[in-house]
Amino acid sequence: TSQRGVADQLGKSSGYISRLINHSYAG
C-alpha cells in the first residue's frame, strides 16, 4: 500500500513507520 496507509492502520505517523524501517527509531 504505502507508509501512510500502514501508519493509519497502526494509528501512528508515516515518519514513525519510516524510522522503524530505516532502524532509526529512538523509542
PDB file of all heavy atoms in Angstrom:
ATOM      1  N   THR A   1       0.851  -1.190   0.000  1.00  0.00           N
ATOM      2  CA  THR A   1       0.000   0.000   0.000  1.00  0.00           C
ATOM      3  C   THR A   1       0.883   1.235   0.000  1.00  0.00           C
ATOM      4  O   THR A   1       1.305   1.681  -1.045  1.00  0.00           O
ATOM      5  CB  THR A   1      -0.963  -0.001   1.215  1.00  0.00           C
ATOM      6  OG1 THR A   1      -0.205  -0.016   2.418  1.00  0.00           O
ATOM      7  CG2 THR A   1      -1.910  -1.172   1.187  1.00  0.00           C
ATOM      8  N   SER A   2       1.140   1.775   1.187  1.00  0.00           N
ATOM      9  CA  SER A   2       2.033   2.925   1.345  1.00  0.00           C
ATOM     10  C   SER A   2       2.370   3.055   2.825  1.00  0.00           C
ATOM     11  O   SER A   2       1.687   2.489   3.681  1.00  0.00           O
ATOM     12  CB  SER A   2       1.361   4.211   0.864  1.00  0.00           C
ATOM     13  OG  SER A   2       0.270   4.540   1.714  1.00  0.00           O
ATOM     14  N   GLN A   3       3.416   3.812   3.118  1.00  0.00           N
ATOM     15  CA  GLN A   3       3.750   4.053   4.520  1.00  0.00           C
ATOM     16  C   GLN A   3       2.611   4.805   5.200  1.00  0.00           C
ATOM     17  O   GLN A   3       2.287   4.529   6.348  1.00  0.00           O
ATOM     18  CB  GLN A   3       5.063   4.825   4.649  1.00  0.00           C
ATOM     19  CG  GLN A   3       6.275   3.982   4.350  1.00  0.00           C
ATOM     20  CD  GLN A   3       7.586   4.699   4.613  1.00  0.00           C
ATOM     21  OE1 GLN A   3       7.613   5.840   5.065  1.00  0.00           O
ATOM     22  NE2 GLN A   3       8.686   4.028   4.319  1.00  0.00           N
ATOM     23  N   ARG A   4       1.986   5.730   4.495  1.00  0.00           N
ATOM     24  CA  ARG A   4       0.863   6.494   5.062  1.00  0.00           C
ATOM     25  C   ARG A   4      -0.304   5.555   5.387  1.00  0.00           C
ATOM     26  O   ARG A   4      -0.922   5.650   6.434  1.00  0.00           O
ATOM     27  CB  ARG A   4       0.421   7.588   4.062  1.00  0.00           C
ATOM     28  CG  ARG A   4      -0.898   8.254   4.355  1.00  0.00           C
ATOM     29  CD  ARG A   4      -0.825   9.435   5.326  1.00  0.00           C
ATOM     30  NE  ARG A   4      -0.637   8.987   6.532  1.00  0.00           N
ATOM     31  CZ  ARG A   4      -0.349   9.406   7.801  1.00  0.00           C
ATOM     32  NH1 ARG A   4      -0.212  10.281   8.160  1.00  0.00           N
ATOM     33  NH2 ARG A   4      -0.157   8.959   8.852  1.00  0.00           N
ATOM     34  N   GLY A   5      -0.613   4.635   4.470  1.00  0.00           N
ATOM     35  CA  GLY A   5      -1.709   3.695   4.703  1.00  0.00           C
ATOM     36  C   GLY A   5      -1.444   2.789   5.891  1.00  0.00           C
ATOM     37  O   GLY A   5      -2.337   2.551   6.712  1.00  0.00           O
ATOM     38  N   VAL A   6      -0.230   2.295   6.009  1.00  0.00           N
ATOM     39  CA  VAL A   6       0.132   1.433   7.139  1.00  0.00           C
ATOM     40  C   VAL A   6       0.148   2.247   8.428  1.00  0.00           C
ATOM     41  O   VAL A   6      -0.313   1.783   9.469  1.00  0.00           O
ATOM     42  CB  VAL A   6       1.486   0.731   6.889  1.00  0.00           C
ATOM     43  CG1 VAL A   6       1.956  -0.019   8.119  1.00  0.00           C
ATOM     44  CG2 VAL A   6       1.360  -0.220   5.699  1.00  0.00           C
ATOM     45  N   ALA A   7       0.639   3.475   8.351  1.00  0.00           N
ATOM     46  CA  ALA A   7       0.646   4.349   9.529  1.00  0.00           C
ATOM     47  C   ALA A   7      -0.776   4.561  10.043  1.00  0.00           C
ATOM     48  O   ALA A   7      -1.025   4.478  11.251  1.00  0.00           O
ATOM     49  CB  ALA A   7       1.294   5.690   9.180  1.00  0.00           C
ATOM     50  N   ASP A   8      -1.703   4.807   9.138  1.00  0.00           N
ATOM     51  CA  ASP A   8      -3.104   4.983   9.533  1.00  0.00           C
ATOM     52  C   ASP A   8      -3.637   3.718  10.197  1.00  0.00           C
ATOM     53  O   ASP A   8      -4.346   3.779  11.200  1.00  0.00           O
ATOM     54  CB  ASP A   8      -3.970   5.336   8.324  1.00  0.00           C
ATOM     55  CG  ASP A   8      -3.711   6.749   7.812  1.00  0.00           C
ATOM     56  OD1 ASP A   8      -3.096   7.562   8.535  1.00  0.00           O
ATOM     57  OD2 ASP A   8      -4.138   7.030   6.670  1.00  0.00           O
ATOM     58  N   GLN A   9      -3.286   2.582   9.637  1.00  0.00           N
ATOM     59  CA  GLN A   9      -3.729   1.301  10.189  1.00  0.00           C
ATOM     60  C   GLN A   9      -3.198   1.090  11.616  1.00  0.00           C
ATOM     61  O   GLN A   9      -3.897   0.555  12.469  1.00  0.00           O
ATOM     62  CB  GLN A   9      -3.234   0.173   9.277  1.00  0.00           C
ATOM     63  CG  GLN A   9      -4.032  -1.063   9.311  1.00  0.00           C
ATOM     64  CD  GLN A   9      -3.514  -2.085   8.291  1.00  0.00           C
ATOM     65  OE1 GLN A   9      -2.673  -1.799   7.434  1.00  0.00           O
ATOM     66  NE2 GLN A   9      -4.010  -3.286   8.387  1.00  0.00           N
ATOM     67  N   LEU A  10      -1.978   1.521  11.869  1.00  0.00           N
ATOM     68  CA  LEU A  10      -1.353   1.357  13.184  1.00  0.00           C
ATOM     69  C   LEU A  10      -1.659   2.504  14.145  1.00  0.00           C
ATOM     70  O   LEU A  10      -1.310   2.437  15.328  1.00  0.00           O
ATOM     71  CB  LEU A  10       0.166   1.226  13.042  1.00  0.00           C
ATOM     72  CG  LEU A  10       0.689   0.030  12.258  1.00  0.00           C
ATOM     73  CD1 LEU A  10       2.208   0.083  12.150  1.00  0.00           C
ATOM     74  CD2 LEU A  10       0.247  -1.273  12.890  1.00  0.00           C
ATOM     75  N   GLY A  11      -2.287   3.559  13.632  1.00  0.00           N
ATOM     76  CA  GLY A  11      -2.561   4.718  14.474  1.00  0.00           C
ATOM     77  C   GLY A  11      -1.315   5.526  14.766  1.00  0.00           C
ATOM     78  O   GLY A  11      -1.181   6.145  15.828  1.00  0.00           O
ATOM     79  N   LYS A  12      -0.376   5.525  13.839  1.00  0.00           N
ATOM     80  CA  LYS A  12       0.904   6.226  14.005  1.00  0.00           C
ATOM     81  C   LYS A  12       1.137   7.133  12.810  1.00  0.00           C
ATOM     82  O   LYS A  12       0.347   7.184  11.874  1.00  0.00           O
ATOM     83  CB  LYS A  12       2.051   5.208  14.114  1.00  0.00           C
ATOM     84  CG  LYS A  12       1.948   4.278  15.305  1.00  0.00           C
ATOM     85  CD  LYS A  12       2.153   5.023  16.595  1.00  0.00           C
ATOM     86  CE  LYS A  12       2.181   4.100  17.795  1.00  0.00           C
ATOM     87  NZ  LYS A  12       2.451   4.797  19.037  1.00  0.00           N
ATOM     88  N   SER A  13       2.267   7.835  12.803  1.00  0.00           N
ATOM     89  CA  SER A  13       2.618   8.715  11.686  1.00  0.00           C
ATOM     90  C   SER A  13       3.441   7.958  10.653  1.00  0.00           C
ATOM     91  O   SER A  13       4.055   6.926  10.961  1.00  0.00           O
ATOM     92  CB  SER A  13       3.415   9.918  12.189  1.00  0.00           C
ATOM     93  OG  SER A  13       4.712   9.507  12.598  1.00  0.00           O
ATOM     94  N   SER A  14       3.482   8.495   9.444  1.00  0.00           N
ATOM     95  CA  SER A  14       4.316   7.868   8.413  1.00  0.00           C
ATOM     96  C   SER A  14       5.804   8.007   8.764  1.00  0.00           C
ATOM     97  O   SER A  14       6.609   7.151   8.404  1.00  0.00           O
ATOM     98  CB  SER A  14       4.013   8.445   7.030  1.00  0.00           C
ATOM     99  OG  SER A  14       4.180   9.841   7.029  1.00  0.00           O
ATOM    100  N   GLY A  15       6.163   9.055   9.503  1.00  0.00           N
ATOM    101  CA  GLY A  15       7.549   9.201   9.967  1.00  0.00           C
ATOM    102  C   GLY A  15       7.938   8.080  10.911  1.00  0.00           C
ATOM    103  O   GLY A  15       9.075   7.588  10.875  1.00  0.00           O
ATOM    104  N   TYR A  16       7.020   7.684  11.770  1.00  0.00           N
ATOM    105  CA  TYR A  16       7.235   6.554  12.682  1.00  0.00           C
ATOM    106  C   TYR A  16       7.532   5.287  11.881  1.00  0.00           C
ATOM    107  O   TYR A  16       8.498   4.571  12.169  1.00  0.00           O
ATOM    108  CB  TYR A  16       5.980   6.383  13.543  1.00  0.00           C
ATOM    109  CG  TYR A  16       5.924   5.168  14.434  1.00  0.00           C
ATOM    110  CD1 TYR A  16       6.499   5.183  15.692  1.00  0.00           C
ATOM    111  CD2 TYR A  16       5.254   4.010  14.030  1.00  0.00           C
ATOM    112  CE1 TYR A  16       6.411   4.083  16.533  1.00  0.00           C
ATOM    113  CE2 TYR A  16       5.163   2.906  14.861  1.00  0.00           C
ATOM    114  CZ  TYR A  16       5.742   2.951  16.117  1.00  0.00           C
ATOM    115  OH  TYR A  16       5.659   1.858  16.938  1.00  0.00           O
ATOM    116  N   ILE A  17       6.742   5.044  10.861  1.00  0.00           N
ATOM    117  CA  ILE A  17       6.925   3.858  10.016  1.00  0.00           C
ATOM    118  C   ILE A  17       8.281   3.915   9.324  1.00  0.00           C
ATOM    119  O   ILE A  17       9.033   2.934   9.307  1.00  0.00           O
ATOM    120  CB  ILE A  17       5.790   3.751   8.980  1.00  0.00           C
ATOM    121  CG1 ILE A  17       4.418   3.711   9.649  1.00  0.00           C
ATOM    122  CG2 ILE A  17       6.009   2.556   8.055  1.00  0.00           C
ATOM    123  CD1 ILE A  17       4.214   2.604  10.644  1.00  0.00           C
ATOM    124  N   SER A  18       8.608   5.065   8.772  1.00  0.00           N
ATOM    125  CA  SER A  18       9.883   5.235   8.084  1.00  0.00           C
ATOM    126  C   SER A  18      11.065   4.983   9.016  1.00  0.00           C
ATOM    127  O   SER A  18      12.022   4.288   8.653  1.00  0.00           O
ATOM    128  CB  SER A  18       9.967   6.644   7.491  1.00  0.00           C
ATOM    129  OG  SER A  18      11.212   6.844   6.871  1.00  0.00           O
ATOM    130  N   ARG A  19      10.994   5.532  10.236  1.00  0.00           N
ATOM    131  CA  ARG A  19      12.092   5.345  11.189  1.00  0.00           C
ATOM    132  C   ARG A  19      12.232   3.883  11.609  1.00  0.00           C
ATOM    133  O   ARG A  19      13.350   3.404  11.817  1.00  0.00           O
ATOM    134  CB  ARG A  19      11.904   6.258  12.400  1.00  0.00           C
ATOM    135  CG  ARG A  19      12.185   7.729  12.066  1.00  0.00           C
ATOM    136  CD  ARG A  19      12.185   8.628  13.286  1.00  0.00           C
ATOM    137  NE  ARG A  19      10.907   8.671  13.979  1.00  0.00           N
ATOM    138  CZ  ARG A  19       9.880   9.441  13.649  1.00  0.00           C
ATOM    139  NH1 ARG A  19       9.972  10.242  12.604  1.00  0.00           N
ATOM    140  NH2 ARG A  19       8.762   9.423  14.352  1.00  0.00           N
ATOM    141  N   LEU A  20      11.115   3.167  11.725  1.00  0.00           N
ATOM    142  CA  LEU A  20      11.206   1.733  12.048  1.00  0.00           C
ATOM    143  C   LEU A  20      11.883   0.975  10.915  1.00  0.00           C
ATOM    144  O   LEU A  20      12.787   0.172  11.149  1.00  0.00           O
ATOM    145  CB  LEU A  20       9.818   1.150  12.320  1.00  0.00           C
ATOM    146  CG  LEU A  20       9.134   1.592  13.606  1.00  0.00           C
ATOM    147  CD1 LEU A  20       7.726   1.023  13.668  1.00  0.00           C
ATOM    148  CD2 LEU A  20       9.935   1.169  14.831  1.00  0.00           C
ATOM    149  N   ILE A  21      11.439   1.210   9.702  1.00  0.00           N
ATOM    150  CA  ILE A  21      12.014   0.517   8.545  1.00  0.00           C
ATOM    151  C   ILE A  21      13.502   0.836   8.411  1.00  0.00           C
ATOM    152  O   ILE A  21      14.312  -0.050   8.132  1.00  0.00           O
ATOM    153  CB  ILE A  21      11.242   0.879   7.260  1.00  0.00           C
ATOM    154  CG1 ILE A  21       9.852   0.223   7.293  1.00  0.00           C
ATOM    155  CG2 ILE A  21      12.013   0.448   6.005  1.00  0.00           C
ATOM    156  CD1 ILE A  21       8.924   0.664   6.190  1.00  0.00           C
ATOM    157  N   ASN A  22      13.867   2.094   8.646  1.00  0.00           N
ATOM    158  CA  ASN A  22      15.260   2.526   8.493  1.00  0.00           C
ATOM    159  C   ASN A  22      16.111   2.331   9.749  1.00  0.00           C
ATOM    160  O   ASN A  22      17.252   2.776   9.789  1.00  0.00           O
ATOM    161  CB  ASN A  22      15.296   3.992   8.044  1.00  0.00           C
ATOM    162  CG  ASN A  22      14.806   4.146   6.638  1.00  0.00           C
ATOM    163  OD1 ASN A  22      15.352   3.541   5.716  1.00  0.00           O
ATOM    164  ND2 ASN A  22      13.758   4.925   6.444  1.00  0.00           N
ATOM    165  N   HIS A  23      15.545   1.668  10.770  1.00  0.00           N
ATOM    166  CA  HIS A  23      16.245   1.357  12.026  1.00  0.00           C
ATOM    167  C   HIS A  23      16.821   2.608  12.677  1.00  0.00           C
ATOM    168  O   HIS A  23      17.934   2.595  13.216  1.00  0.00           O
ATOM    169  CB  HIS A  23      17.326   0.311  11.771  1.00  0.00           C
ATOM    170  CG  HIS A  23      17.717  -0.440  13.003  1.00  0.00           C
ATOM    171  ND1 HIS A  23      18.844  -1.200  13.059  1.00  0.00           N
ATOM    172  CD2 HIS A  23      17.135  -0.559  14.224  1.00  0.00           C
ATOM    173  CE1 HIS A  23      18.961  -1.760  14.256  1.00  0.00           C
ATOM    174  NE2 HIS A  23      17.920  -1.382  14.981  1.00  0.00           N
ATOM    175  N   SER A  24      16.036   3.690  12.632  1.00  0.00           N
ATOM    176  CA  SER A  24      16.486   4.943  13.239  1.00  0.00           C
ATOM    177  C   SER A  24      15.482   5.454  14.278  1.00  0.00           C
ATOM    178  O   SER A  24      15.533   6.629  14.659  1.00  0.00           O
ATOM    179  CB  SER A  24      16.699   6.004  12.154  1.00  0.00           C
ATOM    180  OG  SER A  24      15.491   6.269  11.463  1.00  0.00           O
ATOM    181  N   TYR A  25      14.613   4.596  14.735  1.00  0.00           N
ATOM    182  CA  TYR A  25      13.598   4.973  15.721  1.00  0.00           C
ATOM    183  C   TYR A  25      14.250   5.101  17.096  1.00  0.00           C
ATOM    184  O   TYR A  25      15.014   4.231  17.517  1.00  0.00           O
ATOM    185  CB  TYR A  25      12.483   3.930  15.735  1.00  0.00           C
ATOM    186  CG  TYR A  25      11.351   4.210  16.687  1.00  0.00           C
ATOM    187  CD1 TYR A  25      10.633   5.399  16.614  1.00  0.00           C
ATOM    188  CD2 TYR A  25      10.987   3.288  17.650  1.00  0.00           C
ATOM    189  CE1 TYR A  25       9.590   5.658  17.468  1.00  0.00           C
ATOM    190  CE2 TYR A  25       9.931   3.534  18.517  1.00  0.00           C
ATOM    191  CZ  TYR A  25       9.239   4.725  18.420  1.00  0.00           C
ATOM    192  OH  TYR A  25       8.199   4.976  19.276  1.00  0.00           O
ATOM    193  N   ALA A  26      13.948   6.167  17.809  1.00  0.00           N
ATOM    194  CA  ALA A  26      14.551   6.405  19.122  1.00  0.00           C
ATOM    195  C   ALA A  26      13.709   5.841  20.271  1.00  0.00           C
ATOM    196  O   ALA A  26      14.145   5.858  21.408  1.00  0.00           O
ATOM    197  CB  ALA A  26      14.760   7.894  19.332  1.00  0.00           C
ATOM    198  N   GLY A  27      12.519   5.338  19.965  1.00  0.00           N
ATOM    199  CA  GLY A  27      11.625   4.826  21.002  1.00  0.00           C
ATOM    200  C   GLY A  27      11.787   3.341  21.244  1.00  0.00           C
ATOM    201  O   GLY A  27      12.832   2.746  20.956  1.00  0.00           O
TER     202      GLY A  27
END
